[in-house]
């Protein structure tokens, strides 16, 4: 199976934005900053594009166990 390719498309979301906070492993942040440096993008742009990619390619499946009803997870 082919590996997914991270394309850098034009911005999909426009308009008002919101500020959020999240925790990332330090080595992941280093990789994000390196991708930003190489691509000439900001950290925010790289993170936003990565999240857009994830949203476009994620699969959410339902859980069959009754005690986990209402919970969703990615993948199969």
PDB file of N, CA and C in Angstrom:
ATOM      1  N   UNK A   1       0.845  -1.176   0.000  1.00  0.00           N
ATOM      2  CA  UNK A   1       0.000   0.000   0.000  1.00  0.00           C
ATOM      3  C   UNK A   1       0.891   1.239   0.000  1.00  0.00           C
ATOM      4  N   UNK A   2       0.495   2.251  -0.777  1.00  0.00           N
ATOM      5  CA  UNK A   2       1.251   3.498  -0.851  1.00  0.00           C
ATOM      6  C   UNK A   2       1.135   4.279   0.449  1.00  0.00           C
ATOM      7  N   UNK A   3       2.213   4.957   0.791  1.00  0.00           N
ATOM      8  CA  UNK A   3       2.197   5.820   1.971  1.00  0.00           C
ATOM      9  C   UNK A   3       1.428   7.094   1.645  1.00  0.00           C
ATOM     10  N   UNK A   4       0.689   7.664   2.615  1.00  0.00           N
ATOM     11  CA  UNK A   4       0.001   8.930   2.358  1.00  0.00           C
ATOM     12  C   UNK A   4       1.021  10.043   2.136  1.00  0.00           C
ATOM     13  N   UNK A   5       0.667  10.980   1.299  1.00  0.00           N
ATOM     14  CA  UNK A   5       1.534  12.111   0.984  1.00  0.00           C
ATOM     15  C   UNK A   5       0.936  13.359   1.599  1.00  0.00           C
ATOM     16  N   UNK A   6       1.757  14.158   2.245  1.00  0.00           N
ATOM     17  CA  UNK A   6       1.317  15.400   2.867  1.00  0.00           C
ATOM     18  C   UNK A   6       1.439  16.528   1.845  1.00  0.00           C
ATOM     19  N   UNK A   7       0.324  16.842   1.171  1.00  0.00           N
ATOM     20  CA  UNK A   7       0.285  17.924   0.198  1.00  0.00           C
ATOM     21  C   UNK A   7       0.051  19.237   0.935  1.00  0.00           C
ATOM     22  N   UNK A   8       0.563  20.329   0.392  1.00  0.00           N
ATOM     23  CA  UNK A   8       0.339  21.638   0.990  1.00  0.00           C
ATOM     24  C   UNK A   8      -0.608  22.408   0.066  1.00  0.00           C
ATOM     25  N   UNK A   9      -1.930  22.317   0.341  1.00  0.00           N
ATOM     26  CA  UNK A   9      -2.923  22.992  -0.499  1.00  0.00           C
ATOM     27  C   UNK A   9      -3.137  24.439  -0.068  1.00  0.00           C
ATOM     28  N   UNK A  10      -3.949  25.153  -0.847  1.00  0.00           N
ATOM     29  CA  UNK A  10      -4.352  26.489  -0.438  1.00  0.00           C
ATOM     30  C   UNK A  10      -5.195  26.376   0.821  1.00  0.00           C
ATOM     31  N   UNK A  11      -5.300  27.463   1.555  1.00  0.00           N
ATOM     32  CA  UNK A  11      -6.066  27.455   2.805  1.00  0.00           C
ATOM     33  C   UNK A  11      -7.518  27.089   2.543  1.00  0.00           C
ATOM     34  N   UNK A  12      -8.034  26.163   3.349  1.00  0.00           N
ATOM     35  CA  UNK A  12      -9.425  25.741   3.230  1.00  0.00           C
ATOM     36  C   UNK A  12     -10.306  26.546   4.175  1.00  0.00           C
ATOM     37  N   UNK A  13      -9.817  26.794   5.371  1.00  0.00           N
ATOM     38  CA  UNK A  13     -10.606  27.496   6.381  1.00  0.00           C
ATOM     39  C   UNK A  13     -10.211  28.961   6.390  1.00  0.00           C
ATOM     40  N   UNK A  14     -11.198  29.828   6.379  1.00  0.00           N
ATOM     41  CA  UNK A  14     -10.947  31.268   6.388  1.00  0.00           C
ATOM     42  C   UNK A  14     -11.842  31.902   7.438  1.00  0.00           C
ATOM     43  N   UNK A  15     -11.600  33.145   7.722  1.00  0.00           N
ATOM     44  CA  UNK A  15     -12.447  33.842   8.679  1.00  0.00           C
ATOM     45  C   UNK A  15     -11.835  33.872  10.062  1.00  0.00           C
ATOM     46  N   UNK A  16     -12.706  34.027  11.023  1.00  0.00           N
ATOM     47  CA  UNK A  16     -12.291  34.173  12.414  1.00  0.00           C
ATOM     48  C   UNK A  16     -11.571  32.917  12.911  1.00  0.00           C
ATOM     49  N   UNK A  17     -10.568  33.114  13.748  1.00  0.00           N
ATOM     50  CA  UNK A  17      -9.836  31.985  14.312  1.00  0.00           C
ATOM     51  C   UNK A  17      -9.946  32.008  15.835  1.00  0.00           C
ATOM     52  N   UNK A  18      -9.526  30.918  16.448  1.00  0.00           N
ATOM     53  CA  UNK A  18      -9.542  30.796  17.901  1.00  0.00           C
ATOM     54  C   UNK A  18      -8.170  30.354  18.368  1.00  0.00           C
ATOM     55  N   UNK A  19      -7.774  30.821  19.514  1.00  0.00           N
ATOM     56  CA  UNK A  19      -6.505  30.429  20.112  1.00  0.00           C
ATOM     57  C   UNK A  19      -6.760  29.228  21.014  1.00  0.00           C
ATOM     58  N   UNK A  20      -5.927  28.179  20.850  1.00  0.00           N
ATOM     59  CA  UNK A  20      -6.041  26.985  21.689  1.00  0.00           C
ATOM     60  C   UNK A  20      -4.681  26.662  22.286  1.00  0.00           C
ATOM     61  N   UNK A  21      -4.666  25.737  23.203  1.00  0.00           N
ATOM     62  CA  UNK A  21      -3.422  25.273  23.802  1.00  0.00           C
ATOM     63  C   UNK A  21      -3.415  23.754  23.748  1.00  0.00           C
ATOM     64  N   UNK A  22      -2.251  23.165  23.471  1.00  0.00           N
ATOM     65  CA  UNK A  22      -2.138  21.712  23.482  1.00  0.00           C
ATOM     66  C   UNK A  22      -0.725  21.307  23.881  1.00  0.00           C
ATOM     67  N   UNK A  23      -0.597  20.106  24.397  1.00  0.00           N
ATOM     68  CA  UNK A  23       0.706  19.580  24.778  1.00  0.00           C
ATOM     69  C   UNK A  23       1.220  18.661  23.683  1.00  0.00           C
ATOM     70  N   UNK A  24       2.501  18.816  23.353  1.00  0.00           N
ATOM     71  CA  UNK A  24       3.165  17.975  22.367  1.00  0.00           C
ATOM     72  C   UNK A  24       4.486  17.492  22.945  1.00  0.00           C
ATOM     73  N   UNK A  25       4.921  16.297  22.553  1.00  0.00           N
ATOM     74  CA  UNK A  25       6.260  15.876  22.949  1.00  0.00           C
ATOM     75  C   UNK A  25       7.292  16.850  22.365  1.00  0.00           C
ATOM     76  N   UNK A  26       8.323  17.147  23.123  1.00  0.00           N
ATOM     77  CA  UNK A  26       9.326  18.123  22.681  1.00  0.00           C
ATOM     78  C   UNK A  26       9.988  17.722  21.371  1.00  0.00           C
ATOM     79  N   UNK A  27      10.228  16.406  21.183  1.00  0.00           N
ATOM     80  CA  UNK A  27      10.859  15.988  19.935  1.00  0.00           C
ATOM     81  C   UNK A  27       9.915  16.162  18.737  1.00  0.00           C
ATOM     82  N   UNK A  28       8.604  16.062  18.955  1.00  0.00           N
ATOM     83  CA  UNK A  28       7.646  16.317  17.881  1.00  0.00           C
ATOM     84  C   UNK A  28       7.651  17.800  17.530  1.00  0.00           C
ATOM     85  N   UNK A  29       7.708  18.656  18.541  1.00  0.00           N
ATOM     86  CA  UNK A  29       7.754  20.094  18.295  1.00  0.00           C
ATOM     87  C   UNK A  29       9.012  20.462  17.512  1.00  0.00           C
ATOM     88  N   UNK A  30      10.127  19.803  17.811  1.00  0.00           N
ATOM     89  CA  UNK A  30      11.367  20.025  17.065  1.00  0.00           C
ATOM     90  C   UNK A  30      11.162  19.671  15.594  1.00  0.00           C
ATOM     91  N   UNK A  31      10.498  18.547  15.331  1.00  0.00           N
ATOM     92  CA  UNK A  31      10.231  18.134  13.949  1.00  0.00           C
ATOM     93  C   UNK A  31       9.296  19.113  13.250  1.00  0.00           C
ATOM     94  N   UNK A  32       8.290  19.602  13.959  1.00  0.00           N
ATOM     95  CA  UNK A  32       7.356  20.579  13.387  1.00  0.00           C
ATOM     96  C   UNK A  32       8.094  21.864  13.039  1.00  0.00           C
ATOM     97  N   UNK A  33       8.934  22.331  13.942  1.00  0.00           N
ATOM     98  CA  UNK A  33       9.703  23.547  13.689  1.00  0.00           C
ATOM     99  C   UNK A  33      10.658  23.369  12.516  1.00  0.00           C
ATOM    100  N   UNK A  34      11.230  22.186  12.365  1.00  0.00           N
ATOM    101  CA  UNK A  34      12.134  21.913  11.240  1.00  0.00           C
ATOM    102  C   UNK A  34      11.344  21.901   9.924  1.00  0.00           C
ATOM    103  N   UNK A  35      10.148  21.303   9.936  1.00  0.00           N
ATOM    104  CA  UNK A  35       9.301  21.315   8.739  1.00  0.00           C
ATOM    105  C   UNK A  35       8.927  22.747   8.370  1.00  0.00           C
ATOM    106  N   UNK A  36       8.627  23.561   9.369  1.00  0.00           N
ATOM    107  CA  UNK A  36       8.290  24.965   9.131  1.00  0.00           C
ATOM    108  C   UNK A  36       9.479  25.708   8.525  1.00  0.00           C
ATOM    109  N   UNK A  37      10.655  25.472   9.072  1.00  0.00           N
ATOM    110  CA  UNK A  37      11.866  26.148   8.576  1.00  0.00           C
ATOM    111  C   UNK A  37      12.138  25.768   7.124  1.00  0.00           C
ATOM    112  N   UNK A  38      12.088  24.474   6.823  1.00  0.00           N
ATOM    113  CA  UNK A  38      12.391  23.994   5.470  1.00  0.00           C
ATOM    114  C   UNK A  38      11.355  24.477   4.462  1.00  0.00           C
ATOM    115  N   UNK A  39      10.084  24.494   4.855  1.00  0.00           N
ATOM    116  CA  UNK A  39       9.017  24.874   3.931  1.00  0.00           C
ATOM    117  C   UNK A  39       8.786  26.377   3.839  1.00  0.00           C
ATOM    118  N   UNK A  40       9.415  27.136   4.750  1.00  0.00           N
ATOM    119  CA  UNK A  40       9.194  28.578   4.749  1.00  0.00           C
ATOM    120  C   UNK A  40       7.835  28.964   5.296  1.00  0.00           C
ATOM    121  N   UNK A  41       7.229  28.053   6.044  1.00  0.00           N
ATOM    122  CA  UNK A  41       5.931  28.296   6.666  1.00  0.00           C
ATOM    123  C   UNK A  41       6.133  28.575   8.147  1.00  0.00           C
ATOM    124  N   UNK A  42       5.092  29.065   8.793  1.00  0.00           N
ATOM    125  CA  UNK A  42       5.153  29.249  10.237  1.00  0.00           C
ATOM    126  C   UNK A  42       4.777  27.932  10.918  1.00  0.00           C
ATOM    127  N   UNK A  43       5.093  27.825  12.193  1.00  0.00           N
ATOM    128  CA  UNK A  43       4.688  26.657  12.984  1.00  0.00           C
ATOM    129  C   UNK A  43       3.171  26.503  12.917  1.00  0.00           C
ATOM    130  N   UNK A  44       2.443  27.600  13.064  1.00  0.00           N
ATOM    131  CA  UNK A  44       0.989  27.566  13.021  1.00  0.00           C
ATOM    132  C   UNK A  44       0.490  27.016  11.692  1.00  0.00           C
ATOM    133  N   UNK A  45       1.084  27.455  10.584  1.00  0.00           N
ATOM    134  CA  UNK A  45       0.649  26.969   9.272  1.00  0.00           C
ATOM    135  C   UNK A  45       0.886  25.464   9.135  1.00  0.00           C
ATOM    136  N   UNK A  46       2.035  24.981   9.584  1.00  0.00           N
ATOM    137  CA  UNK A  46       2.338  23.554   9.500  1.00  0.00           C
ATOM    138  C   UNK A  46       1.364  22.754  10.356  1.00  0.00           C
ATOM    139  N   UNK A  47       1.092  23.213  11.575  1.00  0.00           N
ATOM    140  CA  UNK A  47       0.143  22.518  12.443  1.00  0.00           C
ATOM    141  C   UNK A  47      -1.265  22.529  11.847  1.00  0.00           C
ATOM    142  N   UNK A  48      -1.701  23.660  11.317  1.00  0.00           N
ATOM    143  CA  UNK A  48      -3.026  23.754  10.715  1.00  0.00           C
ATOM    144  C   UNK A  48      -3.140  22.819   9.515  1.00  0.00           C
ATOM    145  N   UNK A  49      -2.121  22.784   8.655  1.00  0.00           N
ATOM    146  CA  UNK A  49      -2.151  21.893   7.496  1.00  0.00           C
ATOM    147  C   UNK A  49      -2.162  20.429   7.931  1.00  0.00           C
ATOM    148  N   UNK A  50      -1.422  20.104   8.978  1.00  0.00           N
ATOM    149  CA  UNK A  50      -1.421  18.738   9.487  1.00  0.00           C
ATOM    150  C   UNK A  50      -2.784  18.335  10.026  1.00  0.00           C
ATOM    151  N   UNK A  51      -3.444  19.242  10.732  1.00  0.00           N
ATOM    152  CA  UNK A  51      -4.778  18.957  11.255  1.00  0.00           C
ATOM    153  C   UNK A  51      -5.800  18.837  10.122  1.00  0.00           C
ATOM    154  N   UNK A  52      -5.694  19.695   9.097  1.00  0.00           N
ATOM    155  CA  UNK A  52      -6.578  19.590   7.934  1.00  0.00           C
ATOM    156  C   UNK A  52      -6.397  18.228   7.262  1.00  0.00           C
ATOM    157  N   UNK A  53      -5.158  17.793   7.106  1.00  0.00           N
ATOM    158  CA  UNK A  53      -4.860  16.498   6.504  1.00  0.00           C
ATOM    159  C   UNK A  53      -5.500  15.377   7.319  1.00  0.00           C
ATOM    160  N   UNK A  54      -5.343  15.447   8.633  1.00  0.00           N
ATOM    161  CA  UNK A  54      -5.925  14.424   9.508  1.00  0.00           C
ATOM    162  C   UNK A  54      -7.440  14.403   9.389  1.00  0.00           C
ATOM    163  N   UNK A  55      -8.082  15.569   9.382  1.00  0.00           N
ATOM    164  CA  UNK A  55      -9.539  15.632   9.266  1.00  0.00           C
ATOM    165  C   UNK A  55     -10.036  15.054   7.945  1.00  0.00           C
ATOM    166  N   UNK A  56      -9.283  15.271   6.872  1.00  0.00           N
ATOM    167  CA  UNK A  56      -9.695  14.783   5.558  1.00  0.00           C
ATOM    168  C   UNK A  56      -9.471  13.282   5.401  1.00  0.00           C
ATOM    169  N   UNK A  57      -8.574  12.696   6.192  1.00  0.00           N
ATOM    170  CA  UNK A  57      -8.216  11.293   6.006  1.00  0.00           C
ATOM    171  C   UNK A  57      -8.579  10.387   7.175  1.00  0.00           C
ATOM    172  N   UNK A  58      -9.193  10.918   8.208  1.00  0.00           N
ATOM    173  CA  UNK A  58      -9.506  10.075   9.365  1.00  0.00           C
ATOM    174  C   UNK A  58     -10.729   9.212   9.095  1.00  0.00           C
ATOM    175  N   UNK A  59     -10.760   8.077   9.763  1.00  0.00           N
ATOM    176  CA  UNK A  59     -11.902   7.179   9.732  1.00  0.00           C
ATOM    177  C   UNK A  59     -12.339   6.989  11.172  1.00  0.00           C
ATOM    178  N   UNK A  60     -13.598   7.246  11.448  1.00  0.00           N
ATOM    179  CA  UNK A  60     -14.126   7.072  12.800  1.00  0.00           C
ATOM    180  C   UNK A  60     -15.091   5.898  12.757  1.00  0.00           C
ATOM    181  N   UNK A  61     -14.824   4.915  13.585  1.00  0.00           N
ATOM    182  CA  UNK A  61     -15.681   3.737  13.624  1.00  0.00           C
ATOM    183  C   UNK A  61     -16.377   3.668  14.970  1.00  0.00           C
ATOM    184  N   UNK A  62     -17.540   3.058  14.985  1.00  0.00           N
ATOM    185  CA  UNK A  62     -18.270   2.942  16.239  1.00  0.00           C
ATOM    186  C   UNK A  62     -17.733   1.764  17.051  1.00  0.00           C
ATOM    187  N   UNK A  63     -17.940   1.819  18.341  1.00  0.00           N
ATOM    188  CA  UNK A  63     -17.503   0.792  19.263  1.00  0.00           C
ATOM    189  C   UNK A  63     -18.672  -0.163  19.484  1.00  0.00           C
ATOM    190  N   UNK A  64     -18.398  -1.456  19.501  1.00  0.00           N
ATOM    191  CA  UNK A  64     -19.489  -2.417  19.632  1.00  0.00           C
ATOM    192  C   UNK A  64     -19.806  -2.782  21.079  1.00  0.00           C
ATOM    193  N   UNK A  65     -18.922  -2.473  22.030  1.00  0.00           N
ATOM    194  CA  UNK A  65     -19.164  -2.815  23.427  1.00  0.00           C
ATOM    195  C   UNK A  65     -20.138  -1.812  24.044  1.00  0.00           C
ATOM    196  N   UNK A  66     -21.192  -2.287  24.704  1.00  0.00           N
ATOM    197  CA  UNK A  66     -22.191  -1.376  25.300  1.00  0.00           C
ATOM    198  C   UNK A  66     -21.584  -0.384  26.290  1.00  0.00           C
ATOM    199  N   UNK A  67     -20.583  -0.813  27.073  1.00  0.00           N
ATOM    200  CA  UNK A  67     -20.003   0.094  28.062  1.00  0.00           C
ATOM    201  C   UNK A  67     -19.201   1.220  27.431  1.00  0.00           C
ATOM    202  N   UNK A  68     -18.877   1.083  26.132  1.00  0.00           N
ATOM    203  CA  UNK A  68     -18.141   2.125  25.438  1.00  0.00           C
ATOM    204  C   UNK A  68     -19.030   2.907  24.477  1.00  0.00           C
ATOM    205  N   UNK A  69     -20.315   2.755  24.590  1.00  0.00           N
ATOM    206  CA  UNK A  69     -21.257   3.447  23.710  1.00  0.00           C
ATOM    207  C   UNK A  69     -21.072   4.951  23.832  1.00  0.00           C
ATOM    208  N   UNK A  70     -21.132   5.595  22.716  1.00  0.00           N
ATOM    209  CA  UNK A  70     -20.957   7.046  22.704  1.00  0.00           C
ATOM    210  C   UNK A  70     -19.509   7.468  22.568  1.00  0.00           C
ATOM    211  N   UNK A  71     -18.581   6.533  22.590  1.00  0.00           N
ATOM    212  CA  UNK A  71     -17.164   6.845  22.431  1.00  0.00           C
ATOM    213  C   UNK A  71     -16.752   6.556  21.006  1.00  0.00           C
ATOM    214  N   UNK A  72     -15.942   7.413  20.437  1.00  0.00           N
ATOM    215  CA  UNK A  72     -15.460   7.216  19.089  1.00  0.00           C
ATOM    216  C   UNK A  72     -13.955   7.099  19.087  1.00  0.00           C
ATOM    217  N   UNK A  73     -13.434   6.364  18.155  1.00  0.00           N
ATOM    218  CA  UNK A  73     -11.981   6.261  18.019  1.00  0.00           C
ATOM    219  C   UNK A  73     -11.641   6.243  16.534  1.00  0.00           C
ATOM    220  N   UNK A  74     -10.394   6.603  16.219  1.00  0.00           N
ATOM    221  CA  UNK A  74      -9.920   6.621  14.853  1.00  0.00           C
ATOM    222  C   UNK A  74      -9.480   5.225  14.458  1.00  0.00           C
ATOM    223  N   UNK A  75      -9.659   4.881  13.190  1.00  0.00           N
ATOM    224  CA  UNK A  75      -9.137   3.633  12.671  1.00  0.00           C
ATOM    225  C   UNK A  75     -10.115   2.497  12.758  1.00  0.00           C
ATOM    226  N   UNK A  76      -9.583   1.287  12.556  1.00  0.00           N
ATOM    227  CA  UNK A  76     -10.471   0.154  12.527  1.00  0.00           C
ATOM    228  C   UNK A  76     -10.062  -0.823  13.484  1.00  0.00           C
TER     229      UNK A  76
END
